[in-house]
């Protein structure tokens, strides 16, 4: 019984004096990191879509121009 009381008392004292002086700063940093992470994800998705479109255009040009479609033309279209 006495051990339980002491453990409970220690727990309550810890809770009472548990002060997080950096809580707001930490929450702000976490929110900022989350925003940056979302922006990076969106940027990656956008780059992926652009790359897929470039590949599709390259395939369409190859189909349309066949023999005339040279690697130089491909590089020109992919760089735009």
PDB file of N, CA and C in Angstrom:
ATOM      1  N   UNK A   1       0.808  -1.200   0.000  1.00  0.00           N
ATOM      2  CA  UNK A   1       0.000   0.000   0.000  1.00  0.00           C
ATOM      3  C   UNK A   1       0.852   1.266   0.000  1.00  0.00           C
ATOM      4  N   UNK A   2       1.843   1.257   0.854  1.00  0.00           N
ATOM      5  CA  UNK A   2       2.683   2.438   0.977  1.00  0.00           C
ATOM      6  C   UNK A   2       3.476   2.690  -0.310  1.00  0.00           C
ATOM      7  N   UNK A   3       3.944   1.620  -0.948  1.00  0.00           N
ATOM      8  CA  UNK A   3       4.679   1.764  -2.212  1.00  0.00           C
ATOM      9  C   UNK A   3       3.792   2.372  -3.288  1.00  0.00           C
ATOM     10  N   UNK A   4       2.563   1.911  -3.334  1.00  0.00           N
ATOM     11  CA  UNK A   4       1.613   2.455  -4.309  1.00  0.00           C
ATOM     12  C   UNK A   4       1.382   3.938  -4.064  1.00  0.00           C
ATOM     13  N   UNK A   5       1.231   4.290  -2.806  1.00  0.00           N
ATOM     14  CA  UNK A   5       1.014   5.687  -2.448  1.00  0.00           C
ATOM     15  C   UNK A   5       2.211   6.539  -2.878  1.00  0.00           C
ATOM     16  N   UNK A   6       3.413   6.046  -2.629  1.00  0.00           N
ATOM     17  CA  UNK A   6       4.625   6.780  -2.993  1.00  0.00           C
ATOM     18  C   UNK A   6       4.722   6.921  -4.509  1.00  0.00           C
ATOM     19  N   UNK A   7       4.458   5.850  -5.245  1.00  0.00           N
ATOM     20  CA  UNK A   7       4.488   5.906  -6.711  1.00  0.00           C
ATOM     21  C   UNK A   7       3.470   6.907  -7.235  1.00  0.00           C
ATOM     22  N   UNK A   8       2.271   6.857  -6.655  1.00  0.00           N
ATOM     23  CA  UNK A   8       1.217   7.775  -7.081  1.00  0.00           C
ATOM     24  C   UNK A   8       1.604   9.217  -6.768  1.00  0.00           C
ATOM     25  N   UNK A   9       2.191   9.421  -5.609  1.00  0.00           N
ATOM     26  CA  UNK A   9       2.618  10.757  -5.212  1.00  0.00           C
ATOM     27  C   UNK A   9       3.708  11.276  -6.154  1.00  0.00           C
ATOM     28  N   UNK A  10       4.670  10.419  -6.499  1.00  0.00           N
ATOM     29  CA  UNK A  10       5.725  10.809  -7.438  1.00  0.00           C
ATOM     30  C   UNK A  10       5.139  11.159  -8.801  1.00  0.00           C
ATOM     31  N   UNK A  11       4.202  10.343  -9.258  1.00  0.00           N
ATOM     32  CA  UNK A  11       3.567  10.595 -10.550  1.00  0.00           C
ATOM     33  C   UNK A  11       2.841  11.932 -10.544  1.00  0.00           C
ATOM     34  N   UNK A  12       2.109  12.194  -9.471  1.00  0.00           N
ATOM     35  CA  UNK A  12       1.361  13.444  -9.378  1.00  0.00           C
ATOM     36  C   UNK A  12       2.290  14.656  -9.305  1.00  0.00           C
ATOM     37  N   UNK A  13       3.408  14.510  -8.600  1.00  0.00           N
ATOM     38  CA  UNK A  13       4.381  15.606  -8.527  1.00  0.00           C
ATOM     39  C   UNK A  13       4.994  15.884  -9.895  1.00  0.00           C
ATOM     40  N   UNK A  14       5.317  14.816 -10.620  1.00  0.00           N
ATOM     41  CA  UNK A  14       5.867  14.990 -11.967  1.00  0.00           C
ATOM     42  C   UNK A  14       4.875  15.718 -12.858  1.00  0.00           C
ATOM     43  N   UNK A  15       3.611  15.313 -12.801  1.00  0.00           N
ATOM     44  CA  UNK A  15       2.579  15.961 -13.615  1.00  0.00           C
ATOM     45  C   UNK A  15       2.425  17.427 -13.229  1.00  0.00           C
ATOM     46  N   UNK A  16       2.501  17.693 -11.940  1.00  0.00           N
ATOM     47  CA  UNK A  16       2.296  19.045 -11.449  1.00  0.00           C
ATOM     48  C   UNK A  16       3.430  19.978 -11.894  1.00  0.00           C
ATOM     49  N   UNK A  17       4.649  19.459 -11.906  1.00  0.00           N
ATOM     50  CA  UNK A  17       5.797  20.295 -12.245  1.00  0.00           C
ATOM     51  C   UNK A  17       6.318  20.066 -13.662  1.00  0.00           C
ATOM     52  N   UNK A  18       5.562  19.353 -14.447  1.00  0.00           N
ATOM     53  CA  UNK A  18       5.971  19.100 -15.829  1.00  0.00           C
ATOM     54  C   UNK A  18       5.614  20.321 -16.666  1.00  0.00           C
ATOM     55  N   UNK A  19       6.610  21.157 -16.888  1.00  0.00           N
ATOM     56  CA  UNK A  19       6.402  22.391 -17.634  1.00  0.00           C
ATOM     57  C   UNK A  19       7.191  22.293 -18.936  1.00  0.00           C
ATOM     58  N   UNK A  20       6.502  22.503 -20.016  1.00  0.00           N
ATOM     59  CA  UNK A  20       7.144  22.442 -21.330  1.00  0.00           C
ATOM     60  C   UNK A  20       7.319  23.873 -21.832  1.00  0.00           C
ATOM     61  N   UNK A  21       8.503  24.428 -21.602  1.00  0.00           N
ATOM     62  CA  UNK A  21       8.734  25.833 -21.962  1.00  0.00           C
ATOM     63  C   UNK A  21       8.910  26.028 -23.464  1.00  0.00           C
ATOM     64  N   UNK A  22       9.170  24.964 -24.200  1.00  0.00           N
ATOM     65  CA  UNK A  22       9.380  25.077 -25.641  1.00  0.00           C
ATOM     66  C   UNK A  22       8.214  24.511 -26.452  1.00  0.00           C
ATOM     67  N   UNK A  23       7.084  24.321 -25.818  1.00  0.00           N
ATOM     68  CA  UNK A  23       5.946  23.686 -26.489  1.00  0.00           C
ATOM     69  C   UNK A  23       5.510  24.466 -27.729  1.00  0.00           C
ATOM     70  N   UNK A  24       5.328  25.764 -27.602  1.00  0.00           N
ATOM     71  CA  UNK A  24       4.861  26.575 -28.732  1.00  0.00           C
ATOM     72  C   UNK A  24       5.867  26.565 -29.877  1.00  0.00           C
ATOM     73  N   UNK A  25       7.146  26.731 -29.545  1.00  0.00           N
ATOM     74  CA  UNK A  25       8.183  26.734 -30.577  1.00  0.00           C
ATOM     75  C   UNK A  25       8.229  25.397 -31.304  1.00  0.00           C
ATOM     76  N   UNK A  26       8.138  24.314 -30.534  1.00  0.00           N
ATOM     77  CA  UNK A  26       8.166  22.983 -31.132  1.00  0.00           C
ATOM     78  C   UNK A  26       6.963  22.767 -32.050  1.00  0.00           C
ATOM     79  N   UNK A  27       5.790  23.193 -31.609  1.00  0.00           N
ATOM     80  CA  UNK A  27       4.594  23.048 -32.436  1.00  0.00           C
ATOM     81  C   UNK A  27       4.708  23.868 -33.718  1.00  0.00           C
ATOM     82  N   UNK A  28       5.270  25.078 -33.616  1.00  0.00           N
ATOM     83  CA  UNK A  28       5.464  25.909 -34.806  1.00  0.00           C
ATOM     84  C   UNK A  28       6.434  25.249 -35.778  1.00  0.00           C
ATOM     85  N   UNK A  29       7.531  24.702 -35.248  1.00  0.00           N
ATOM     86  CA  UNK A  29       8.501  24.023 -36.105  1.00  0.00           C
ATOM     87  C   UNK A  29       7.897  22.790 -36.764  1.00  0.00           C
ATOM     88  N   UNK A  30       7.110  22.041 -36.007  1.00  0.00           N
ATOM     89  CA  UNK A  30       6.461  20.864 -36.580  1.00  0.00           C
ATOM     90  C   UNK A  30       5.485  21.260 -37.686  1.00  0.00           C
ATOM     91  N   UNK A  31       4.737  22.329 -37.469  1.00  0.00           N
ATOM     92  CA  UNK A  31       3.800  22.805 -38.491  1.00  0.00           C
ATOM     93  C   UNK A  31       4.559  23.274 -39.732  1.00  0.00           C
ATOM     94  N   UNK A  32       5.665  23.982 -39.521  1.00  0.00           N
ATOM     95  CA  UNK A  32       6.478  24.456 -40.644  1.00  0.00           C
ATOM     96  C   UNK A  32       7.048  23.276 -41.426  1.00  0.00           C
ATOM     97  N   UNK A  33       7.551  22.279 -40.711  1.00  0.00           N
ATOM     98  CA  UNK A  33       8.105  21.085 -41.372  1.00  0.00           C
ATOM     99  C   UNK A  33       7.024  20.355 -42.163  1.00  0.00           C
ATOM    100  N   UNK A  34       5.835  20.285 -41.608  1.00  0.00           N
ATOM    101  CA  UNK A  34       4.731  19.611 -42.298  1.00  0.00           C
ATOM    102  C   UNK A  34       4.370  20.357 -43.582  1.00  0.00           C
ATOM    103  N   UNK A  35       4.342  21.698 -43.517  1.00  0.00           N
ATOM    104  CA  UNK A  35       4.054  22.493 -44.713  1.00  0.00           C
ATOM    105  C   UNK A  35       5.125  22.289 -45.774  1.00  0.00           C
ATOM    106  N   UNK A  36       6.393  22.292 -45.352  1.00  0.00           N
ATOM    107  CA  UNK A  36       7.492  22.082 -46.297  1.00  0.00           C
ATOM    108  C   UNK A  36       7.422  20.691 -46.910  1.00  0.00           C
ATOM    109  N   UNK A  37       7.059  19.717 -46.100  1.00  0.00           N
ATOM    110  CA  UNK A  37       6.927  18.343 -46.598  1.00  0.00           C
ATOM    111  C   UNK A  37       5.827  18.261 -47.646  1.00  0.00           C
ATOM    112  N   UNK A  38       4.688  18.887 -47.369  1.00  0.00           N
ATOM    113  CA  UNK A  38       3.577  18.886 -48.323  1.00  0.00           C
ATOM    114  C   UNK A  38       3.975  19.596 -49.617  1.00  0.00           C
ATOM    115  N   UNK A  39       4.691  20.709 -49.489  1.00  0.00           N
ATOM    116  CA  UNK A  39       5.133  21.447 -50.679  1.00  0.00           C
ATOM    117  C   UNK A  39       6.084  20.592 -51.513  1.00  0.00           C
ATOM    118  N   UNK A  40       6.983  19.873 -50.845  1.00  0.00           N
ATOM    119  CA  UNK A  40       7.923  19.005 -51.567  1.00  0.00           C
ATOM    120  C   UNK A  40       7.191  17.866 -52.264  1.00  0.00           C
ATOM    121  N   UNK A  41       6.191  17.313 -51.605  1.00  0.00           N
ATOM    122  CA  UNK A  41       5.397  16.238 -52.209  1.00  0.00           C
ATOM    123  C   UNK A  41       4.667  16.757 -53.442  1.00  0.00           C
ATOM    124  N   UNK A  42       4.037  17.918 -53.311  1.00  0.00           N
ATOM    125  CA  UNK A  42       3.313  18.501 -54.445  1.00  0.00           C
ATOM    126  C   UNK A  42       4.260  18.824 -55.596  1.00  0.00           C
ATOM    127  N   UNK A  43       5.451  19.322 -55.268  1.00  0.00           N
ATOM    128  CA  UNK A  43       6.439  19.623 -56.308  1.00  0.00           C
ATOM    129  C   UNK A  43       6.870  18.340 -57.016  1.00  0.00           C
ATOM    130  N   UNK A  44       7.071  17.275 -56.257  1.00  0.00           N
ATOM    131  CA  UNK A  44       7.445  15.994 -56.849  1.00  0.00           C
ATOM    132  C   UNK A  44       6.361  15.443 -57.754  1.00  0.00           C
ATOM    133  N   UNK A  45       5.115  15.574 -57.322  1.00  0.00           N
ATOM    134  CA  UNK A  45       3.987  15.117 -58.144  1.00  0.00           C
ATOM    135  C   UNK A  45       3.942  15.910 -59.446  1.00  0.00           C
ATOM    136  N   UNK A  46       4.118  17.218 -59.338  1.00  0.00           N
ATOM    137  CA  UNK A  46       4.092  18.084 -60.530  1.00  0.00           C
ATOM    138  C   UNK A  46       5.216  17.714 -61.493  1.00  0.00           C
ATOM    139  N   UNK A  47       6.416  17.504 -60.960  1.00  0.00           N
ATOM    140  CA  UNK A  47       7.547  17.120 -61.817  1.00  0.00           C
ATOM    141  C   UNK A  47       7.285  15.771 -62.483  1.00  0.00           C
ATOM    142  N   UNK A  48       6.686  14.849 -61.741  1.00  0.00           N
ATOM    143  CA  UNK A  48       6.358  13.544 -62.306  1.00  0.00           C
ATOM    144  C   UNK A  48       5.358  13.653 -63.445  1.00  0.00           C
ATOM    145  N   UNK A  49       4.354  14.505 -63.271  1.00  0.00           N
ATOM    146  CA  UNK A  49       3.361  14.706 -64.325  1.00  0.00           C
ATOM    147  C   UNK A  49       4.006  15.308 -65.574  1.00  0.00           C
ATOM    148  N   UNK A  50       4.876  16.287 -65.360  1.00  0.00           N
ATOM    149  CA  UNK A  50       5.550  16.923 -66.499  1.00  0.00           C
ATOM    150  C   UNK A  50       6.412  15.911 -67.233  1.00  0.00           C
ATOM    151  N   UNK A  51       7.145  15.096 -66.499  1.00  0.00           N
ATOM    152  CA  UNK A  51       8.001  14.087 -67.129  1.00  0.00           C
ATOM    153  C   UNK A  51       7.161  13.079 -67.909  1.00  0.00           C
ATOM    154  N   UNK A  52       6.028  12.671 -67.350  1.00  0.00           N
ATOM    155  CA  UNK A  52       5.146  11.733 -68.053  1.00  0.00           C
ATOM    156  C   UNK A  52       4.613  12.357 -69.341  1.00  0.00           C
ATOM    157  N   UNK A  53       4.231  13.636 -69.280  1.00  0.00           N
ATOM    158  CA  UNK A  53       3.753  14.329 -70.482  1.00  0.00           C
ATOM    159  C   UNK A  53       4.847  14.426 -71.539  1.00  0.00           C
ATOM    160  N   UNK A  54       6.066  14.702 -71.119  1.00  0.00           N
ATOM    161  CA  UNK A  54       7.175  14.783 -72.075  1.00  0.00           C
ATOM    162  C   UNK A  54       7.394  13.441 -72.766  1.00  0.00           C
ATOM    163  N   UNK A  55       7.310  12.375 -72.008  1.00  0.00           N
ATOM    164  CA  UNK A  55       7.481  11.044 -72.609  1.00  0.00           C
ATOM    165  C   UNK A  55       6.357  10.745 -73.591  1.00  0.00           C
ATOM    166  N   UNK A  56       5.130  11.116 -73.220  1.00  0.00           N
ATOM    167  CA  UNK A  56       3.995  10.906 -74.124  1.00  0.00           C
ATOM    168  C   UNK A  56       4.166  11.698 -75.421  1.00  0.00           C
ATOM    169  N   UNK A  57       4.605  12.949 -75.300  1.00  0.00           N
ATOM    170  CA  UNK A  57       4.832  13.779 -76.486  1.00  0.00           C
ATOM    171  C   UNK A  57       5.913  13.155 -77.358  1.00  0.00           C
ATOM    172  N   UNK A  58       6.960  12.675 -76.727  1.00  0.00           N
ATOM    173  CA  UNK A  58       8.040  12.040 -77.480  1.00  0.00           C
ATOM    174  C   UNK A  58       7.525  10.829 -78.250  1.00  0.00           C
ATOM    175  N   UNK A  59       6.693  10.017 -77.613  1.00  0.00           N
ATOM    176  CA  UNK A  59       6.125   8.838 -78.289  1.00  0.00           C
ATOM    177  C   UNK A  59       5.230   9.253 -79.454  1.00  0.00           C
ATOM    178  N   UNK A  60       4.414  10.282 -79.226  1.00  0.00           N
ATOM    179  CA  UNK A  60       3.526  10.755 -80.291  1.00  0.00           C
ATOM    180  C   UNK A  60       4.318  11.297 -81.474  1.00  0.00           C
ATOM    181  N   UNK A  61       5.365  12.047 -81.191  1.00  0.00           N
ATOM    182  CA  UNK A  61       6.198  12.575 -82.275  1.00  0.00           C
ATOM    183  C   UNK A  61       6.891  11.448 -83.028  1.00  0.00           C
ATOM    184  N   UNK A  62       7.356  10.463 -82.304  1.00  0.00           N
ATOM    185  CA  UNK A  62       8.006   9.320 -82.941  1.00  0.00           C
ATOM    186  C   UNK A  62       7.026   8.584 -83.843  1.00  0.00           C
ATOM    187  N   UNK A  63       5.791   8.437 -83.371  1.00  0.00           N
ATOM    188  CA  UNK A  63       4.765   7.778 -84.176  1.00  0.00           C
ATOM    189  C   UNK A  63       4.441   8.596 -85.421  1.00  0.00           C
ATOM    190  N   UNK A  64       4.334   9.909 -85.256  1.00  0.00           N
ATOM    191  CA  UNK A  64       3.938  10.759 -86.371  1.00  0.00           C
ATOM    192  C   UNK A  64       5.058  10.931 -87.400  1.00  0.00           C
ATOM    193  N   UNK A  65       6.287  11.164 -86.942  1.00  0.00           N
ATOM    194  CA  UNK A  65       7.368  11.480 -87.867  1.00  0.00           C
ATOM    195  C   UNK A  65       8.287  10.300 -88.184  1.00  0.00           C
ATOM    196  N   UNK A  66       8.184   9.230 -87.461  1.00  0.00           N
ATOM    197  CA  UNK A  66       8.964   7.997 -87.641  1.00  0.00           C
ATOM    198  C   UNK A  66      10.415   8.245 -88.007  1.00  0.00           C
ATOM    199  N   UNK A  67      10.761   8.133 -89.282  1.00  0.00           N
ATOM    200  CA  UNK A  67      12.158   8.212 -89.709  1.00  0.00           C
ATOM    201  C   UNK A  67      12.746   9.612 -89.549  1.00  0.00           C
ATOM    202  N   UNK A  68      11.907  10.622 -89.634  1.00  0.00           N
ATOM    203  CA  UNK A  68      12.388  11.998 -89.572  1.00  0.00           C
ATOM    204  C   UNK A  68      12.695  12.410 -88.128  1.00  0.00           C
ATOM    205  N   UNK A  69      12.079  11.712 -87.194  1.00  0.00           N
ATOM    206  CA  UNK A  69      12.233  12.054 -85.774  1.00  0.00           C
ATOM    207  C   UNK A  69      13.619  11.624 -85.295  1.00  0.00           C
ATOM    208  N   UNK A  70      14.452  12.593 -85.039  1.00  0.00           N
ATOM    209  CA  UNK A  70      15.843  12.319 -84.670  1.00  0.00           C
ATOM    210  C   UNK A  70      16.050  12.545 -83.173  1.00  0.00           C
ATOM    211  N   UNK A  71      17.132  12.039 -82.655  1.00  0.00           N
ATOM    212  CA  UNK A  71      17.431  12.313 -81.236  1.00  0.00           C
ATOM    213  C   UNK A  71      17.523  13.804 -80.935  1.00  0.00           C
ATOM    214  N   UNK A  72      17.978  14.583 -81.918  1.00  0.00           N
ATOM    215  CA  UNK A  72      18.070  16.029 -81.719  1.00  0.00           C
ATOM    216  C   UNK A  72      16.680  16.628 -81.521  1.00  0.00           C
ATOM    217  N   UNK A  73      15.711  16.173 -82.305  1.00  0.00           N
ATOM    218  CA  UNK A  73      14.336  16.653 -82.139  1.00  0.00           C
ATOM    219  C   UNK A  73      13.809  16.250 -80.765  1.00  0.00           C
ATOM    220  N   UNK A  74      14.118  15.043 -80.359  1.00  0.00           N
ATOM    221  CA  UNK A  74      13.660  14.555 -79.059  1.00  0.00           C
ATOM    222  C   UNK A  74      14.216  15.435 -77.942  1.00  0.00           C
ATOM    223  N   UNK A  75      15.508  15.738 -78.007  1.00  0.00           N
ATOM    224  CA  UNK A  75      16.124  16.591 -76.995  1.00  0.00           C
ATOM    225  C   UNK A  75      15.503  17.979 -76.982  1.00  0.00           C
ATOM    226  N   UNK A  76      15.193  18.500 -78.164  1.00  0.00           N
ATOM    227  CA  UNK A  76      14.577  19.816 -78.260  1.00  0.00           C
ATOM    228  C   UNK A  76      13.220  19.819 -77.569  1.00  0.00           C
ATOM    229  N   UNK A  77      12.409  18.809 -77.812  1.00  0.00           N
ATOM    230  CA  UNK A  77      11.077  18.735 -77.216  1.00  0.00           C
ATOM    231  C   UNK A  77      11.145  18.468 -75.718  1.00  0.00           C
ATOM    232  N   UNK A  78      12.095  17.662 -75.294  1.00  0.00           N
ATOM    233  CA  UNK A  78      12.188  17.335 -73.878  1.00  0.00           C
ATOM    234  C   UNK A  78      12.720  18.483 -73.042  1.00  0.00           C
ATOM    235  N   UNK A  79      13.490  19.348 -73.643  1.00  0.00           N
ATOM    236  CA  UNK A  79      14.074  20.464 -72.897  1.00  0.00           C
ATOM    237  C   UNK A  79      13.113  21.630 -72.743  1.00  0.00           C
ATOM    238  N   UNK A  80      12.034  21.644 -73.486  1.00  0.00           N
ATOM    239  CA  UNK A  80      11.103  22.772 -73.420  1.00  0.00           C
ATOM    240  C   UNK A  80      10.185  22.650 -72.245  1.00  0.00           C
TER     241      UNK A  80
END
